Amino acid sequence: MIIFILFFLFTGTVNAQAEEPKIYNWEVLRVIDGDTIQIANEFLPKELNLSVRMKGVDTPEKGGRAKCQKENILAQKATIFIKNAFENAKKNNQKINFSEIKWDKYGGRIVAKIMIEKNDLGDDLIKKGLAVAYFGDKKTKNWCE
């Protein structure tokens, strides 16, 4: 019994120590919309244009996918906000970091937390009212209200 308790305590301590997340610094090729970009990375040629969806946020749809003019305008603002963030990062030699990476639920792109230095872009979008928290469940935000 004592061995079992020691084993349980020891493994609990080991499991509680979190590993440092792997962080990548990929080149942003273009901003698709407020929560999706295309990147170049060291594993794939630029022609493959791997898409990254921002983890934890959903922005309004733009163009033909928008349900109303208001949603389209908010989507354009989110896209411009992200473009400006990446342009400023490049101009100021700041690193764009990608972490917590996994394939999205459809498999055609990846989902990642995107940060510029220590600044979470998803949090910034939410604070500006240009995104809502989203973790793959049903989308409930009506941007037209």
C-alpha atoms as a PDB file:
ATOM      1  CA  MET A   1       0.000   0.000   0.000  1.00  0.00           C
ATOM      2  CA  ILE A   2       2.812   2.428   0.859  1.00  0.00           C
ATOM      3  CA  ILE A   3       4.481   1.710  -2.472  1.00  0.00           C
ATOM      4  CA  PHE A   4       1.202   2.483  -4.270  1.00  0.00           C
ATOM      5  CA  ILE A   5       0.843   5.810  -2.425  1.00  0.00           C
ATOM      6  CA  LEU A   6       4.450   6.787  -3.146  1.00  0.00           C
ATOM      7  CA  PHE A   7       4.003   5.842  -6.802  1.00  0.00           C
ATOM      8  CA  PHE A   8       0.779   7.872  -6.990  1.00  0.00           C
ATOM      9  CA  LEU A   9       2.394  10.924  -5.370  1.00  0.00           C
ATOM     10  CA  PHE A  10       5.508  10.686  -7.505  1.00  0.00           C
ATOM     11  CA  THR A  11       3.635  10.326 -10.799  1.00  0.00           C
ATOM     12  CA  GLY A  12       1.274  13.145  -9.815  1.00  0.00           C
ATOM     13  CA  THR A  13       4.236  15.443  -9.253  1.00  0.00           C
ATOM     14  CA  VAL A  14       5.835  14.482 -12.551  1.00  0.00           C
ATOM     15  CA  ASN A  15       2.588  14.996 -14.463  1.00  0.00           C
ATOM     16  CA  ALA A  16       1.970  18.346 -12.772  1.00  0.00           C
ATOM     17  CA  GLN A  17       5.212  19.756 -14.194  1.00  0.00           C
ATOM     18  CA  ALA A  18       4.178  21.262 -17.510  1.00  0.00           C
ATOM     19  CA  GLU A  19       6.541  21.044 -20.438  1.00  0.00           C
ATOM     20  CA  GLU A  20       7.434  24.272 -22.180  1.00  0.00           C
ATOM     21  CA  PRO A  21       5.276  24.546 -25.300  1.00  0.00           C
ATOM     22  CA  LYS A  22       7.061  24.315 -28.637  1.00  0.00           C
ATOM     23  CA  ILE A  23       7.091  27.741 -30.271  1.00  0.00           C
ATOM     24  CA  TYR A  24       7.558  28.357 -33.993  1.00  0.00           C
ATOM     25  CA  ASN A  25       8.430  31.623 -35.720  1.00  0.00           C
ATOM     26  CA  TRP A  26       6.965  31.241 -39.192  1.00  0.00           C
ATOM     27  CA  GLU A  27       6.820  33.903 -41.878  1.00  0.00           C
ATOM     28  CA  VAL A  28       3.342  35.320 -42.472  1.00  0.00           C
ATOM     29  CA  LEU A  29       2.684  35.350 -46.217  1.00  0.00           C
ATOM     30  CA  ARG A  30      -0.763  36.929 -46.159  1.00  0.00           C
ATOM     31  CA  VAL A  31      -3.791  37.602 -43.999  1.00  0.00           C
ATOM     32  CA  ILE A  32      -6.885  35.804 -45.279  1.00  0.00           C
ATOM     33  CA  ASP A  33      -9.292  37.269 -42.736  1.00  0.00           C
ATOM     34  CA  GLY A  34      -9.372  38.279 -39.072  1.00  0.00           C
ATOM     35  CA  ASP A  35      -8.690  34.787 -37.749  1.00  0.00           C
ATOM     36  CA  THR A  36      -6.894  33.004 -40.614  1.00  0.00           C
ATOM     37  CA  ILE A  37      -3.500  33.598 -42.217  1.00  0.00           C
ATOM     38  CA  GLN A  38      -1.139  31.827 -44.602  1.00  0.00           C
ATOM     39  CA  ILE A  39       2.386  31.043 -43.522  1.00  0.00           C
ATOM     40  CA  ALA A  40       5.667  29.746 -44.820  1.00  0.00           C
ATOM     41  CA  ASN A  41       7.584  27.374 -42.594  1.00  0.00           C
ATOM     42  CA  GLU A  42      10.761  25.363 -42.626  1.00  0.00           C
ATOM     43  CA  PHE A  43       8.953  22.093 -43.398  1.00  0.00           C
ATOM     44  CA  LEU A  44       6.977  23.048 -46.501  1.00  0.00           C
ATOM     45  CA  PRO A  45       7.708  25.044 -49.664  1.00  0.00           C
ATOM     46  CA  LYS A  46       6.042  28.482 -49.815  1.00  0.00           C
ATOM     47  CA  GLU A  47       3.895  27.338 -52.752  1.00  0.00           C
ATOM     48  CA  LEU A  48       1.869  25.100 -50.423  1.00  0.00           C
ATOM     49  CA  ASN A  49       0.570  28.098 -48.486  1.00  0.00           C
ATOM     50  CA  LEU A  50      -0.295  26.404 -45.209  1.00  0.00           C
ATOM     51  CA  SER A  51      -3.194  28.163 -43.495  1.00  0.00           C
ATOM     52  CA  VAL A  52      -3.310  28.832 -39.773  1.00  0.00           C
ATOM     53  CA  ARG A  53      -6.541  29.555 -37.937  1.00  0.00           C
ATOM     54  CA  MET A  54      -6.146  31.540 -34.742  1.00  0.00           C
ATOM     55  CA  LYS A  55      -6.881  29.408 -31.685  1.00  0.00           C
ATOM     56  CA  GLY A  56      -9.662  30.486 -29.371  1.00  0.00           C
ATOM     57  CA  VAL A  57     -11.337  33.178 -31.481  1.00  0.00           C
ATOM     58  CA  ASP A  58     -13.902  33.600 -34.208  1.00  0.00           C
ATOM     59  CA  THR A  59     -14.145  36.796 -36.224  1.00  0.00           C
ATOM     60  CA  PRO A  60     -17.021  37.955 -38.436  1.00  0.00           C
ATOM     61  CA  GLU A  61     -17.263  36.571 -41.963  1.00  0.00           C
ATOM     62  CA  LYS A  62     -16.509  38.844 -44.885  1.00  0.00           C
ATOM     63  CA  GLY A  63     -17.652  39.079 -48.478  1.00  0.00           C
ATOM     64  CA  GLY A  64     -20.301  36.605 -49.631  1.00  0.00           C
ATOM     65  CA  ARG A  65     -20.159  34.690 -46.347  1.00  0.00           C
ATOM     66  CA  ALA A  66     -21.268  37.726 -44.306  1.00  0.00           C
ATOM     67  CA  LYS A  67     -24.925  37.702 -43.303  1.00  0.00           C
ATOM     68  CA  CYS A  68     -25.240  41.494 -43.370  1.00  0.00           C
ATOM     69  CA  GLN A  69     -23.343  44.695 -44.140  1.00  0.00           C
ATOM     70  CA  LYS A  70     -22.439  45.225 -40.473  1.00  0.00           C
ATOM     71  CA  GLU A  71     -20.774  41.797 -40.287  1.00  0.00           C
ATOM     72  CA  ASN A  72     -18.829  42.470 -43.476  1.00  0.00           C
ATOM     73  CA  ILE A  73     -17.586  45.826 -42.121  1.00  0.00           C
ATOM     74  CA  LEU A  74     -16.511  44.236 -38.811  1.00  0.00           C
ATOM     75  CA  ALA A  75     -14.756  41.461 -40.729  1.00  0.00           C
ATOM     76  CA  GLN A  76     -12.818  44.025 -42.754  1.00  0.00           C
ATOM     77  CA  LYS A  77     -11.823  45.823 -39.541  1.00  0.00           C
ATOM     78  CA  ALA A  78     -10.596  42.543 -37.996  1.00  0.00           C
ATOM     79  CA  THR A  79      -8.587  41.748 -41.133  1.00  0.00           C
ATOM     80  CA  ILE A  80      -7.003  45.226 -41.173  1.00  0.00           C
ATOM     81  CA  PHE A  81      -6.234  45.001 -37.442  1.00  0.00           C
ATOM     82  CA  ILE A  82      -4.335  41.726 -37.932  1.00  0.00           C
ATOM     83  CA  LYS A  83      -2.525  42.991 -41.061  1.00  0.00           C
ATOM     84  CA  ASN A  84      -1.397  46.083 -39.172  1.00  0.00           C
ATOM     85  CA  ALA A  85      -0.229  43.990 -36.216  1.00  0.00           C
ATOM     86  CA  PHE A  86       1.943  41.825 -38.488  1.00  0.00           C
ATOM     87  CA  GLU A  87       3.293  44.830 -40.422  1.00  0.00           C
ATOM     88  CA  ASN A  88       4.208  46.602 -37.164  1.00  0.00           C
ATOM     89  CA  ALA A  89       5.862  43.447 -35.838  1.00  0.00           C
ATOM     90  CA  LYS A  90       7.977  43.164 -38.969  1.00  0.00           C
ATOM     91  CA  LYS A  91       8.885  46.861 -38.890  1.00  0.00           C
ATOM     92  CA  ASN A  92       9.901  46.631 -35.208  1.00  0.00           C
ATOM     93  CA  ASN A  93      11.751  43.295 -35.541  1.00  0.00           C
ATOM     94  CA  GLN A  94       9.297  41.561 -33.206  1.00  0.00           C
ATOM     95  CA  LYS A  95       8.839  37.803 -33.366  1.00  0.00           C
ATOM     96  CA  ILE A  96       5.535  36.316 -34.428  1.00  0.00           C
ATOM     97  CA  ASN A  97       5.152  33.154 -32.359  1.00  0.00           C
ATOM     98  CA  PHE A  98       2.938  30.157 -33.062  1.00  0.00           C
ATOM     99  CA  SER A  99       2.258  27.625 -30.301  1.00  0.00           C
ATOM    100  CA  GLU A 100      -0.340  25.080 -29.124  1.00  0.00           C
ATOM    101  CA  ILE A 101      -0.478  23.766 -32.678  1.00  0.00           C
ATOM    102  CA  LYS A 102      -2.827  21.072 -33.951  1.00  0.00           C
ATOM    103  CA  TRP A 103      -4.743  20.214 -37.117  1.00  0.00           C
ATOM    104  CA  ASP A 104      -8.152  21.869 -37.239  1.00  0.00           C
ATOM    105  CA  LYS A 105     -11.315  19.784 -37.214  1.00  0.00           C
ATOM    106  CA  TYR A 106     -11.419  19.679 -41.027  1.00  0.00           C
ATOM    107  CA  GLY A 107      -7.748  18.754 -41.464  1.00  0.00           C
ATOM    108  CA  GLY A 108      -6.912  21.287 -44.182  1.00  0.00           C
ATOM    109  CA  ARG A 109      -5.221  23.834 -41.959  1.00  0.00           C
ATOM    110  CA  ILE A 110      -3.740  24.112 -38.510  1.00  0.00           C
ATOM    111  CA  VAL A 111      -4.989  25.896 -35.419  1.00  0.00           C
ATOM    112  CA  ALA A 112      -2.451  27.777 -33.316  1.00  0.00           C
ATOM    113  CA  LYS A 113      -2.132  30.414 -30.663  1.00  0.00           C
ATOM    114  CA  ILE A 114      -0.587  33.444 -32.387  1.00  0.00           C
ATOM    115  CA  MET A 115       1.436  35.941 -30.424  1.00  0.00           C
ATOM    116  CA  ILE A 116       3.636  38.887 -31.259  1.00  0.00           C
ATOM    117  CA  GLU A 117       6.342  38.725 -28.618  1.00  0.00           C
ATOM    118  CA  LYS A 118       4.183  38.231 -25.477  1.00  0.00           C
ATOM    119  CA  ASN A 119       1.021  39.805 -26.905  1.00  0.00           C
ATOM    120  CA  ASP A 120      -1.855  37.397 -27.723  1.00  0.00           C
ATOM    121  CA  LEU A 121      -3.540  38.548 -30.959  1.00  0.00           C
ATOM    122  CA  GLY A 122      -6.718  36.602 -30.195  1.00  0.00           C
ATOM    123  CA  ASP A 123      -7.137  38.432 -26.897  1.00  0.00           C
ATOM    124  CA  ASP A 124      -6.577  41.751 -28.680  1.00  0.00           C
ATOM    125  CA  LEU A 125      -9.294  40.967 -31.221  1.00  0.00           C
ATOM    126  CA  ILE A 126     -11.757  40.088 -28.457  1.00  0.00           C
ATOM    127  CA  LYS A 127     -10.927  43.264 -26.486  1.00  0.00           C
ATOM    128  CA  LYS A 128     -11.533  45.358 -29.613  1.00  0.00           C
ATOM    129  CA  GLY A 129     -14.939  43.694 -30.179  1.00  0.00           C
ATOM    130  CA  LEU A 130     -13.720  42.169 -33.451  1.00  0.00           C
ATOM    131  CA  ALA A 131     -13.894  38.545 -32.277  1.00  0.00           C
ATOM    132  CA  VAL A 132     -15.570  36.264 -29.772  1.00  0.00           C
ATOM    133  CA  ALA A 133     -14.088  33.341 -27.871  1.00  0.00           C
ATOM    134  CA  TYR A 134     -14.438  30.129 -29.908  1.00  0.00           C
ATOM    135  CA  PHE A 135     -13.211  26.602 -29.278  1.00  0.00           C
ATOM    136  CA  GLY A 136     -14.710  24.580 -32.129  1.00  0.00           C
ATOM    137  CA  ASP A 137     -18.256  24.365 -30.884  1.00  0.00           C
ATOM    138  CA  LYS A 138     -21.339  25.838 -32.546  1.00  0.00           C
ATOM    139  CA  LYS A 139     -20.961  29.490 -33.490  1.00  0.00           C
ATOM    140  CA  THR A 140     -23.540  31.533 -31.626  1.00  0.00           C
ATOM    141  CA  LYS A 141     -22.520  35.155 -32.234  1.00  0.00           C
ATOM    142  CA  ASN A 142     -24.849  37.145 -34.491  1.00  0.00           C
ATOM    143  CA  TRP A 143     -22.715  40.011 -35.794  1.00  0.00           C
ATOM    144  CA  CYS A 144     -25.752  41.635 -37.415  1.00  0.00           C
ATOM    145  CA  GLU A 145     -27.444  42.640 -34.133  1.00  0.00           C
END
